[in-house]
Amino acid sequence: MAMVKIILESGASVEIDATSQQADDMVAAFARYVSEKRVPEKRLILTPSQSIYIDYSKVAIVRREF
């Protein structure tokens, strides 16, 4: 498991527990958004009963904690 910390432009932060692969994918998707302005799939399914939606235009930093 890994923790991803998402810091919004407003300064608020959200911490998400995810698998290592999901954490890597979130960081990579944000990096592609910043460098290429390519909007990634915003909905990420974490488990069969949990999913998240990230609007990358409002995100300042996505960081994998561990």
Protein backbone atom coordinates (compact mmCIF):
# COMPACT_ATOMS: atom_id res chain seq x y z
CA MET A 1 0.00 0.00 0.00
CA ALA A 2 1.01 3.59 -0.57
CA MET A 3 -0.27 6.97 0.45
CA VAL A 4 -0.77 9.73 -2.10
CA LYS A 5 -0.98 13.32 -0.90
CA ILE A 6 -2.85 15.69 -3.19
CA ILE A 7 -2.46 19.39 -2.47
CA LEU A 8 -5.01 21.65 -4.13
CA GLU A 9 -4.34 25.17 -5.36
CA SER A 10 -6.44 26.41 -2.44
CA GLY A 11 -3.91 24.89 -0.03
CA ALA A 12 -6.22 22.12 1.18
CA SER A 13 -4.79 18.63 1.07
CA VAL A 14 -6.21 15.14 0.72
CA GLU A 15 -4.46 11.88 1.56
CA ILE A 16 -5.46 8.72 -0.29
CA ASP A 17 -4.48 5.15 0.51
CA ALA A 18 -3.92 3.22 -2.69
CA THR A 19 -1.90 0.34 -4.05
CA SER A 20 1.65 1.08 -5.15
CA GLN A 21 0.60 0.85 -8.81
CA GLN A 22 -2.36 3.18 -8.34
CA ALA A 23 -0.15 5.70 -6.52
CA ASP A 24 2.42 5.61 -9.31
CA ASP A 25 -0.35 6.01 -11.90
CA MET A 26 -1.79 9.08 -10.10
CA VAL A 27 1.60 10.79 -9.93
CA ALA A 28 2.36 9.94 -13.57
CA ALA A 29 -1.06 11.15 -14.74
CA PHE A 30 -0.58 14.48 -12.99
CA ALA A 31 2.92 14.84 -14.44
CA ARG A 32 1.56 14.23 -17.97
CA TYR A 33 -1.20 16.77 -17.34
CA VAL A 34 1.34 19.41 -16.29
CA SER A 35 3.83 18.75 -19.09
CA GLU A 36 1.48 18.03 -21.99
CA LYS A 37 -1.82 19.58 -20.82
CA ARG A 38 -3.35 16.21 -21.71
CA VAL A 39 -6.32 15.56 -19.44
CA PRO A 40 -6.07 12.05 -18.01
CA GLU A 41 -8.94 9.83 -16.99
CA LYS A 42 -10.18 11.65 -13.91
CA ARG A 43 -11.98 8.78 -12.20
CA LEU A 44 -9.80 6.20 -10.51
CA ILE A 45 -11.27 3.03 -9.08
CA LEU A 46 -9.42 2.17 -5.86
CA THR A 47 -11.45 -0.87 -4.78
CA PRO A 48 -14.73 -2.39 -5.95
CA SER A 49 -16.55 -0.07 -3.52
CA GLN A 50 -14.34 3.05 -3.68
CA SER A 51 -13.41 5.43 -6.46
CA ILE A 52 -12.15 8.99 -6.61
CA TYR A 53 -12.51 11.81 -9.10
CA ILE A 54 -9.64 14.25 -9.51
CA ASP A 55 -9.99 17.56 -11.35
CA TYR A 56 -6.31 18.10 -12.21
CA SER A 57 -6.93 21.74 -13.12
CA LYS A 58 -7.41 22.48 -9.41
CA VAL A 59 -4.41 20.47 -8.19
CA ALA A 60 -1.04 21.99 -7.38
CA ILE A 61 0.94 18.92 -6.24
CA VAL A 62 0.49 15.14 -6.30
CA ARG A 63 3.07 13.35 -4.19
CA ARG A 64 3.52 9.71 -3.28
CA GLU A 65 4.42 9.49 0.41
CA PHE A 66 5.50 5.82 0.61
